[in-house]
Amino acid sequence: MRKLFVIGLLVFSALIPDGRCAAVNWQSYPEGMKAAGQEGRKVFLYFKSGRCPYCIKMERITFADPEVIDYLNTHFVAIQVNGDREHELVKK
């Protein structure tokens, strides 16, 4: 069992560039808009819902892709809005 765990750990760590777990640097709407204004960067605004199958697929596949992560973090201030909780912002 221990041997299987070690092999799994090695495979998992080989998939992570530089041994780190990269992720999109999501910010809340107010923080992200403020940062974009201060830094003069474009905004990538992502509205999501826990019931949306396309959102779930985007998070599992697209937003887990190292190239997408690097591109978003380099060129944009990434803002994630949860439509299930932030109803007023969605209406706005």
N, C-alpha and C. Protein backbone atom coordinates (compact mmCIF):
# COMPACT_ATOMS: atom_id res chain seq x y z
N MET A 1 0.83 -1.19 0.00
CA MET A 1 0.00 0.00 0.00
C MET A 1 0.87 1.25 0.00
N ARG A 2 1.94 1.21 0.79
CA ARG A 2 2.82 2.38 0.87
C ARG A 2 3.50 2.63 -0.47
N LYS A 3 3.89 1.55 -1.15
CA LYS A 3 4.53 1.68 -2.45
C LYS A 3 3.59 2.36 -3.45
N LEU A 4 2.32 1.98 -3.45
CA LEU A 4 1.33 2.58 -4.32
C LEU A 4 1.15 4.07 -4.01
N PHE A 5 1.17 4.42 -2.74
CA PHE A 5 1.05 5.82 -2.33
C PHE A 5 2.23 6.63 -2.84
N VAL A 6 3.43 6.10 -2.72
CA VAL A 6 4.64 6.80 -3.17
C VAL A 6 4.61 7.00 -4.67
N ILE A 7 4.21 5.97 -5.40
CA ILE A 7 4.13 6.08 -6.86
C ILE A 7 3.10 7.15 -7.24
N GLY A 8 1.95 7.13 -6.59
CA GLY A 8 0.92 8.14 -6.86
C GLY A 8 1.41 9.55 -6.56
N LEU A 9 2.13 9.70 -5.48
CA LEU A 9 2.68 11.00 -5.11
C LEU A 9 3.70 11.49 -6.14
N LEU A 10 4.53 10.59 -6.64
CA LEU A 10 5.51 10.97 -7.66
C LEU A 10 4.84 11.38 -8.96
N VAL A 11 3.82 10.65 -9.37
CA VAL A 11 3.10 10.99 -10.60
C VAL A 11 2.42 12.35 -10.43
N PHE A 12 1.77 12.57 -9.30
CA PHE A 12 1.09 13.83 -9.03
C PHE A 12 2.08 14.99 -9.04
N SER A 13 3.22 14.84 -8.39
CA SER A 13 4.18 15.94 -8.32
C SER A 13 4.83 16.21 -9.67
N ALA A 14 4.89 15.19 -10.54
CA ALA A 14 5.44 15.40 -11.88
C ALA A 14 4.50 16.24 -12.74
N LEU A 15 3.22 16.22 -12.43
CA LEU A 15 2.25 16.99 -13.20
C LEU A 15 2.21 18.46 -12.81
N ILE A 16 2.78 18.79 -11.67
CA ILE A 16 2.75 20.16 -11.17
C ILE A 16 4.06 20.85 -11.55
N PRO A 17 3.99 21.92 -12.36
CA PRO A 17 5.22 22.60 -12.76
C PRO A 17 5.95 23.20 -11.56
N ASP A 18 7.25 23.04 -11.54
CA ASP A 18 8.11 23.58 -10.48
C ASP A 18 7.71 23.10 -9.09
N GLY A 19 6.98 22.00 -9.00
CA GLY A 19 6.60 21.47 -7.71
C GLY A 19 5.54 22.29 -6.99
N ARG A 20 4.97 23.28 -7.67
CA ARG A 20 3.94 24.12 -7.06
C ARG A 20 2.60 23.81 -7.69
N CYS A 21 1.57 24.06 -6.96
CA CYS A 21 0.22 23.90 -7.50
C CYS A 21 -0.24 25.27 -7.99
N ALA A 22 -0.19 25.45 -9.31
CA ALA A 22 -0.55 26.73 -9.89
C ALA A 22 -2.06 26.86 -9.96
N ALA A 23 -2.55 28.07 -9.79
CA ALA A 23 -3.98 28.33 -9.87
C ALA A 23 -4.19 29.77 -10.33
N VAL A 24 -5.35 30.02 -10.89
CA VAL A 24 -5.71 31.38 -11.27
C VAL A 24 -5.83 32.21 -9.99
N ASN A 25 -5.30 33.40 -10.02
CA ASN A 25 -5.35 34.30 -8.86
C ASN A 25 -6.69 35.04 -8.85
N TRP A 26 -7.75 34.33 -8.49
CA TRP A 26 -9.08 34.93 -8.47
C TRP A 26 -9.18 35.97 -7.36
N GLN A 27 -9.89 37.05 -7.67
CA GLN A 27 -10.15 38.10 -6.69
C GLN A 27 -11.65 38.36 -6.64
N SER A 28 -12.08 38.97 -5.57
CA SER A 28 -13.48 39.37 -5.48
C SER A 28 -13.69 40.58 -6.40
N TYR A 29 -14.93 40.90 -6.68
CA TYR A 29 -15.24 42.01 -7.59
C TYR A 29 -14.67 43.34 -7.09
N PRO A 30 -14.94 43.75 -5.84
CA PRO A 30 -14.41 45.06 -5.41
C PRO A 30 -12.88 45.09 -5.39
N GLU A 31 -12.26 44.04 -4.89
CA GLU A 31 -10.78 44.01 -4.84
C GLU A 31 -10.18 43.99 -6.23
N GLY A 32 -10.76 43.19 -7.11
CA GLY A 32 -10.25 43.07 -8.47
C GLY A 32 -10.38 44.36 -9.27
N MET A 33 -11.52 45.02 -9.16
CA MET A 33 -11.71 46.27 -9.89
C MET A 33 -10.76 47.35 -9.39
N LYS A 34 -10.53 47.37 -8.09
CA LYS A 34 -9.59 48.32 -7.51
C LYS A 34 -8.17 48.03 -8.01
N ALA A 35 -7.78 46.75 -7.99
CA ALA A 35 -6.44 46.37 -8.45
C ALA A 35 -6.26 46.67 -9.93
N ALA A 36 -7.28 46.41 -10.74
CA ALA A 36 -7.19 46.67 -12.18
C ALA A 36 -6.99 48.16 -12.44
N GLY A 37 -7.70 49.00 -11.70
CA GLY A 37 -7.55 50.44 -11.86
C GLY A 37 -6.17 50.92 -11.45
N GLN A 38 -5.67 50.40 -10.35
CA GLN A 38 -4.36 50.81 -9.86
C GLN A 38 -3.23 50.32 -10.75
N GLU A 39 -3.38 49.10 -11.28
CA GLU A 39 -2.31 48.50 -12.08
C GLU A 39 -2.47 48.78 -13.57
N GLY A 40 -3.62 49.31 -13.99
CA GLY A 40 -3.86 49.58 -15.40
C GLY A 40 -3.96 48.30 -16.23
N ARG A 41 -4.50 47.24 -15.64
CA ARG A 41 -4.61 45.96 -16.33
C ARG A 41 -6.06 45.70 -16.72
N LYS A 42 -6.24 44.85 -17.72
CA LYS A 42 -7.57 44.45 -18.15
C LYS A 42 -8.17 43.49 -17.14
N VAL A 43 -9.51 43.39 -17.16
CA VAL A 43 -10.24 42.53 -16.23
C VAL A 43 -10.78 41.32 -16.98
N PHE A 44 -10.60 40.14 -16.40
CA PHE A 44 -11.27 38.93 -16.86
C PHE A 44 -12.33 38.64 -15.83
N LEU A 45 -13.59 38.81 -16.21
CA LEU A 45 -14.71 38.68 -15.27
C LEU A 45 -15.42 37.36 -15.55
N TYR A 46 -15.46 36.50 -14.54
CA TYR A 46 -16.04 35.17 -14.68
C TYR A 46 -17.21 35.02 -13.71
N PHE A 47 -18.41 34.93 -14.26
CA PHE A 47 -19.61 34.68 -13.46
C PHE A 47 -19.83 33.18 -13.43
N LYS A 48 -20.05 32.62 -12.23
CA LYS A 48 -20.22 31.18 -12.11
C LYS A 48 -21.41 30.84 -11.23
N SER A 49 -21.82 29.58 -11.35
CA SER A 49 -22.88 29.05 -10.51
C SER A 49 -22.54 27.59 -10.21
N GLY A 50 -22.83 27.16 -9.01
CA GLY A 50 -22.56 25.78 -8.63
C GLY A 50 -23.46 24.78 -9.35
N ARG A 51 -24.56 25.27 -9.93
CA ARG A 51 -25.50 24.40 -10.64
C ARG A 51 -25.23 24.36 -12.13
N CYS A 52 -24.29 25.13 -12.60
CA CYS A 52 -24.02 25.25 -14.03
C CYS A 52 -23.00 24.19 -14.47
N PRO A 53 -23.40 23.23 -15.31
CA PRO A 53 -22.46 22.20 -15.73
C PRO A 53 -21.30 22.76 -16.56
N TYR A 54 -21.55 23.82 -17.30
CA TYR A 54 -20.48 24.42 -18.09
C TYR A 54 -19.44 25.10 -17.19
N CYS A 55 -19.90 25.72 -16.11
CA CYS A 55 -18.98 26.35 -15.15
C CYS A 55 -18.10 25.29 -14.49
N ILE A 56 -18.71 24.19 -14.12
CA ILE A 56 -17.97 23.11 -13.47
C ILE A 56 -16.91 22.56 -14.43
N LYS A 57 -17.29 22.38 -15.68
CA LYS A 57 -16.35 21.88 -16.68
C LYS A 57 -15.22 22.88 -16.93
N MET A 58 -15.55 24.17 -16.99
CA MET A 58 -14.52 25.21 -17.17
C MET A 58 -13.50 25.17 -16.04
N GLU A 59 -14.00 25.05 -14.80
CA GLU A 59 -13.10 25.05 -13.65
C GLU A 59 -12.24 23.79 -13.63
N ARG A 60 -12.82 22.67 -13.98
CA ARG A 60 -12.10 21.40 -13.92
C ARG A 60 -11.08 21.27 -15.04
N ILE A 61 -11.40 21.79 -16.23
CA ILE A 61 -10.52 21.58 -17.39
C ILE A 61 -9.76 22.86 -17.77
N THR A 62 -10.49 23.90 -18.13
CA THR A 62 -9.86 25.12 -18.66
C THR A 62 -9.04 25.85 -17.61
N PHE A 63 -9.64 26.11 -16.44
CA PHE A 63 -8.94 26.87 -15.42
C PHE A 63 -7.90 26.04 -14.66
N ALA A 64 -7.75 24.76 -15.03
CA ALA A 64 -6.71 23.91 -14.46
C ALA A 64 -5.53 23.77 -15.42
N ASP A 65 -5.68 24.27 -16.63
CA ASP A 65 -4.64 24.18 -17.65
C ASP A 65 -3.52 25.18 -17.31
N PRO A 66 -2.28 24.71 -17.18
CA PRO A 66 -1.18 25.62 -16.81
C PRO A 66 -1.00 26.79 -17.77
N GLU A 67 -1.24 26.59 -19.06
CA GLU A 67 -1.10 27.69 -20.02
C GLU A 67 -2.18 28.75 -19.80
N VAL A 68 -3.40 28.31 -19.54
CA VAL A 68 -4.50 29.25 -19.28
C VAL A 68 -4.23 30.00 -17.98
N ILE A 69 -3.80 29.28 -16.96
CA ILE A 69 -3.49 29.90 -15.66
C ILE A 69 -2.43 30.98 -15.84
N ASP A 70 -1.36 30.64 -16.53
CA ASP A 70 -0.26 31.59 -16.74
C ASP A 70 -0.73 32.81 -17.53
N TYR A 71 -1.53 32.58 -18.58
CA TYR A 71 -2.00 33.68 -19.41
C TYR A 71 -2.91 34.62 -18.62
N LEU A 72 -3.86 34.05 -17.90
CA LEU A 72 -4.77 34.89 -17.11
C LEU A 72 -4.03 35.68 -16.04
N ASN A 73 -3.14 35.01 -15.31
CA ASN A 73 -2.40 35.68 -14.24
C ASN A 73 -1.45 36.75 -14.76
N THR A 74 -0.95 36.57 -15.98
CA THR A 74 0.00 37.53 -16.55
C THR A 74 -0.69 38.74 -17.16
N HIS A 75 -1.79 38.52 -17.86
CA HIS A 75 -2.40 39.58 -18.66
C HIS A 75 -3.65 40.22 -18.07
N PHE A 76 -4.23 39.61 -17.06
CA PHE A 76 -5.51 40.11 -16.54
C PHE A 76 -5.53 40.13 -15.01
N VAL A 77 -6.46 40.91 -14.50
CA VAL A 77 -6.89 40.76 -13.11
C VAL A 77 -8.12 39.88 -13.20
N ALA A 78 -8.03 38.67 -12.66
CA ALA A 78 -9.11 37.69 -12.77
C ALA A 78 -10.09 37.86 -11.62
N ILE A 79 -11.34 38.11 -11.97
CA ILE A 79 -12.39 38.31 -10.97
C ILE A 79 -13.43 37.21 -11.14
N GLN A 80 -13.74 36.56 -10.04
CA GLN A 80 -14.75 35.50 -10.04
C GLN A 80 -15.95 35.96 -9.22
N VAL A 81 -17.13 35.88 -9.83
CA VAL A 81 -18.37 36.27 -9.17
C VAL A 81 -19.25 35.03 -9.06
N ASN A 82 -19.59 34.66 -7.84
CA ASN A 82 -20.47 33.51 -7.61
C ASN A 82 -21.92 33.99 -7.68
N GLY A 83 -22.60 33.63 -8.76
CA GLY A 83 -23.97 34.06 -8.98
C GLY A 83 -24.96 33.50 -7.98
N ASP A 84 -24.59 32.40 -7.31
CA ASP A 84 -25.47 31.82 -6.30
C ASP A 84 -25.51 32.65 -5.02
N ARG A 85 -24.44 33.39 -4.76
CA ARG A 85 -24.36 34.17 -3.52
C ARG A 85 -24.41 35.68 -3.75
N GLU A 86 -23.94 36.15 -4.87
CA GLU A 86 -23.82 37.60 -5.10
C GLU A 86 -24.91 38.07 -6.08
N HIS A 87 -26.15 37.97 -5.66
CA HIS A 87 -27.30 38.26 -6.51
C HIS A 87 -27.32 39.72 -6.96
N GLU A 88 -27.03 40.64 -6.09
CA GLU A 88 -27.08 42.06 -6.44
C GLU A 88 -26.03 42.41 -7.50
N LEU A 89 -24.86 41.83 -7.38
CA LEU A 89 -23.80 42.09 -8.36
C LEU A 89 -24.18 41.51 -9.72
N VAL A 90 -24.81 40.37 -9.72
CA VAL A 90 -25.25 39.75 -10.98
C VAL A 90 -26.31 40.63 -11.65
N LYS A 91 -27.23 41.18 -10.87
CA LYS A 91 -28.26 42.05 -11.43
C LYS A 91 -27.64 43.32 -12.02
N LYS A 92 -26.64 43.86 -11.33
CA LYS A 92 -25.96 45.08 -11.76
C LYS A 92 -25.30 44.85 -13.10
